[in-house]
Amino acid sequence: MKLILGCTLLLLVTLCFGQSHEYISQDSLTIDGTLKLYTGKGSLMKFLGKAPLIKEVVPECDHEEEYGEGVKFFTYAKGGLIYLVYKDRAEFWELDLANNPKRFIQYKGHMISNSTTLSQLRVMFPKAYKEYIKQKSEVIRLRFGANYDDLLLLEIIKGRVSKVYYWTPC
């Protein structure tokens, strides 16, 4: 009984005080206040217009099954924004903020752009900021939930957000 009580107490303390992840909602993120991270191909094309760079790609491990069934995958790139497109779906891959000063990501009333500073990120994402400082990292890591390993990475160069990436493990 003491062992079960001790393990339960340790688990509760770890959950309350040991959590270093910052959780965000994918549905609360938009590109330029409009485009969702996951959207349809039509919505992406309406937002971007015709992309000057469309390239067929072999998807990473998270799309192996569909690729094996003959589904074609493409990247659409325009204005520093890259999406993976397949079937009628479009998934966010990357946003280059350093070279596209008019672009931004909106999250719960906050705008993340190439002028967003570390002090602003500290207010927006306090847990992720603490982990960034602790690890002396080059990116701030934001998780999409306790049950997800996928991350939104904010690359920091010279104290400002430079790029935003979607990352998923294999």
Protein backbone atom coordinates (compact mmCIF):
# COMPACT_ATOMS: atom_id res chain seq x y z
CA MET A 1 0.00 0.00 0.00
CA LYS A 2 2.84 2.40 0.86
CA LEU A 3 4.46 1.64 -2.50
CA ILE A 4 1.25 2.44 -4.42
CA LEU A 5 0.73 5.64 -2.41
CA GLY A 6 4.37 6.66 -2.94
CA CYS A 7 4.18 6.03 -6.71
CA THR A 8 0.92 7.96 -6.97
CA LEU A 9 2.39 10.89 -5.06
CA LEU A 10 5.51 10.87 -7.26
CA LEU A 11 3.35 10.84 -10.39
CA LEU A 12 1.26 13.78 -9.17
CA VAL A 13 4.35 15.83 -8.26
CA THR A 14 5.90 15.07 -11.66
CA LEU A 15 2.73 16.07 -13.48
CA CYS A 16 2.31 19.27 -11.51
CA PHE A 17 5.89 20.49 -11.32
CA GLY A 18 7.94 18.50 -13.83
CA GLN A 19 6.13 19.44 -17.01
CA SER A 20 8.42 21.48 -19.24
CA HIS A 21 6.39 21.33 -22.43
CA GLU A 22 4.35 24.18 -23.77
CA TYR A 23 1.13 22.89 -25.33
CA ILE A 24 -0.61 24.78 -28.11
CA SER A 25 -3.67 24.05 -30.23
CA GLN A 26 -3.20 23.57 -33.98
CA ASP A 27 -6.64 25.05 -34.55
CA SER A 28 -5.57 28.29 -32.84
CA LEU A 29 -2.71 28.91 -35.28
CA THR A 30 -3.11 30.73 -38.59
CA ILE A 31 -0.77 32.05 -41.23
CA ASP A 32 -1.32 35.78 -41.80
CA GLY A 33 -4.45 35.54 -39.65
CA THR A 34 -6.27 33.46 -42.29
CA LEU A 35 -4.77 30.15 -43.38
CA LYS A 36 -4.87 27.13 -41.03
CA LEU A 37 -1.91 24.79 -40.62
CA TYR A 38 -4.05 21.94 -41.95
CA THR A 39 -6.31 22.95 -44.79
CA GLY A 40 -7.58 21.85 -48.16
CA LYS A 41 -5.67 22.26 -51.39
CA GLY A 42 -8.33 24.70 -52.66
CA SER A 43 -7.98 26.95 -49.60
CA LEU A 44 -4.21 26.96 -49.96
CA MET A 45 -4.38 27.84 -53.66
CA LYS A 46 -6.90 30.60 -52.94
CA PHE A 47 -4.56 32.01 -50.28
CA LEU A 48 -1.28 31.67 -52.19
CA GLY A 49 -2.43 31.91 -55.77
CA LYS A 50 -0.39 29.88 -58.21
CA ALA A 51 2.81 28.85 -56.51
CA PRO A 52 5.95 29.47 -58.58
CA LEU A 53 7.64 26.44 -57.01
CA ILE A 54 5.74 23.15 -57.10
CA LYS A 55 7.91 20.10 -56.59
CA GLU A 56 7.01 16.42 -56.33
CA VAL A 57 8.52 14.90 -53.17
CA VAL A 58 8.79 11.58 -51.41
CA PRO A 59 7.07 12.13 -48.06
CA GLU A 60 8.68 11.34 -44.77
CA CYS A 61 7.74 8.35 -42.67
CA ASP A 62 4.38 9.68 -41.46
CA HIS A 63 2.87 9.28 -44.94
CA GLU A 64 4.44 5.97 -46.01
CA GLU A 65 1.16 4.09 -46.35
CA GLU A 66 -0.46 6.64 -48.68
CA TYR A 67 2.73 6.97 -50.72
CA GLY A 68 2.85 3.19 -51.06
CA GLU A 69 -0.68 3.31 -52.49
CA GLY A 70 0.51 5.62 -55.27
CA VAL A 71 -0.59 8.96 -53.81
CA LYS A 72 1.46 11.84 -55.26
CA PHE A 73 2.95 14.38 -52.84
CA PHE A 74 4.04 17.91 -53.74
CA THR A 75 5.45 20.93 -51.96
CA TYR A 76 3.94 24.30 -52.81
CA ALA A 77 6.23 27.22 -52.01
CA LYS A 78 5.51 30.92 -52.28
CA GLY A 79 6.37 33.97 -50.21
CA GLY A 80 8.47 31.98 -47.75
CA LEU A 81 5.62 29.58 -47.06
CA ILE A 82 5.89 25.85 -47.81
CA TYR A 83 3.02 23.36 -47.63
CA LEU A 84 2.95 19.63 -48.33
CA VAL A 85 0.02 18.89 -50.66
CA TYR A 86 -1.48 15.48 -51.43
CA LYS A 87 -4.93 14.34 -52.47
CA ASP A 88 -7.01 17.38 -51.50
CA ARG A 89 -5.04 18.11 -48.32
CA ALA A 90 -2.43 20.74 -47.51
CA GLU A 91 -0.19 20.55 -44.44
CA PHE A 92 2.07 23.33 -43.16
CA TRP A 93 5.81 22.62 -43.41
CA GLU A 94 7.74 25.84 -43.05
CA LEU A 95 7.51 29.62 -42.93
CA ASP A 96 10.60 31.77 -43.55
CA LEU A 97 9.94 34.94 -41.58
CA ALA A 98 13.43 36.43 -41.91
CA ASN A 99 13.07 36.96 -45.65
CA ASN A 100 9.33 37.65 -45.66
CA PRO A 101 8.67 40.51 -43.23
CA LYS A 102 4.96 40.80 -44.08
CA ARG A 103 4.20 37.20 -43.07
CA PHE A 104 3.23 36.20 -39.54
CA ILE A 105 1.68 33.43 -37.52
CA GLN A 106 -1.23 34.38 -35.33
CA TYR A 107 -1.85 32.49 -32.10
CA LYS A 108 -4.54 33.49 -29.61
CA GLY A 109 -4.25 37.19 -30.36
CA HIS A 110 -0.44 37.15 -30.57
CA MET A 111 1.42 37.75 -33.81
CA ILE A 112 4.69 35.91 -34.35
CA SER A 113 6.76 37.60 -37.06
CA ASN A 114 10.39 38.37 -37.83
CA SER A 115 10.17 41.25 -35.36
CA THR A 116 9.00 39.03 -32.47
CA THR A 117 11.64 39.11 -29.74
CA LEU A 118 12.63 36.60 -27.10
CA SER A 119 11.06 38.77 -24.40
CA GLN A 120 7.74 38.63 -26.26
CA LEU A 121 8.05 34.85 -26.67
CA ARG A 122 8.78 34.59 -22.95
CA VAL A 123 5.37 36.11 -22.24
CA MET A 124 3.55 34.04 -24.90
CA PHE A 125 5.16 30.68 -24.09
CA PRO A 126 6.73 30.77 -20.60
CA LYS A 127 7.39 27.01 -20.27
CA ALA A 128 8.90 26.70 -23.74
CA TYR A 129 11.02 29.78 -23.10
CA LYS A 130 12.40 28.31 -19.85
CA GLU A 131 13.29 25.10 -21.69
CA TYR A 132 14.91 27.13 -24.49
CA ILE A 133 17.13 28.95 -21.97
CA LYS A 134 17.87 25.78 -20.00
CA GLN A 135 18.96 23.82 -23.10
CA LYS A 136 20.77 26.75 -24.72
CA SER A 137 18.86 25.80 -27.84
CA GLU A 138 18.37 27.54 -31.18
CA VAL A 139 14.64 26.77 -31.29
CA ILE A 140 11.63 27.16 -29.07
CA ARG A 141 9.63 23.93 -29.07
CA LEU A 142 5.84 23.98 -28.86
CA ARG A 143 3.91 20.70 -28.58
CA PHE A 144 0.44 20.09 -29.92
CA GLY A 145 -0.66 18.08 -26.89
CA ALA A 146 0.40 15.47 -24.36
CA ASN A 147 -0.50 12.66 -26.77
CA TYR A 148 1.45 14.13 -29.70
CA ASP A 149 5.15 14.09 -30.45
CA ASP A 150 4.77 16.64 -33.26
CA LEU A 151 6.26 20.05 -32.63
CA LEU A 152 6.09 23.56 -33.96
CA LEU A 153 9.65 24.89 -33.89
CA LEU A 154 10.41 28.60 -33.72
CA GLU A 155 13.98 29.18 -34.90
CA ILE A 156 15.67 32.05 -33.11
CA ILE A 157 18.48 34.04 -34.73
CA LYS A 158 19.94 37.12 -33.05
CA GLY A 159 17.10 37.21 -30.52
CA ARG A 160 14.25 37.18 -33.06
CA VAL A 161 12.08 34.56 -34.74
CA SER A 162 13.59 33.64 -38.10
CA LYS A 163 11.67 30.55 -39.26
CA VAL A 164 8.81 28.37 -38.13
CA TYR A 165 8.86 24.64 -38.86
CA TYR A 166 6.46 21.77 -38.36
CA TRP A 167 8.40 18.75 -37.10
CA THR A 168 7.25 15.19 -36.64
CA PRO A 169 9.34 12.23 -35.49
CA CYS A 170 9.51 8.97 -37.39
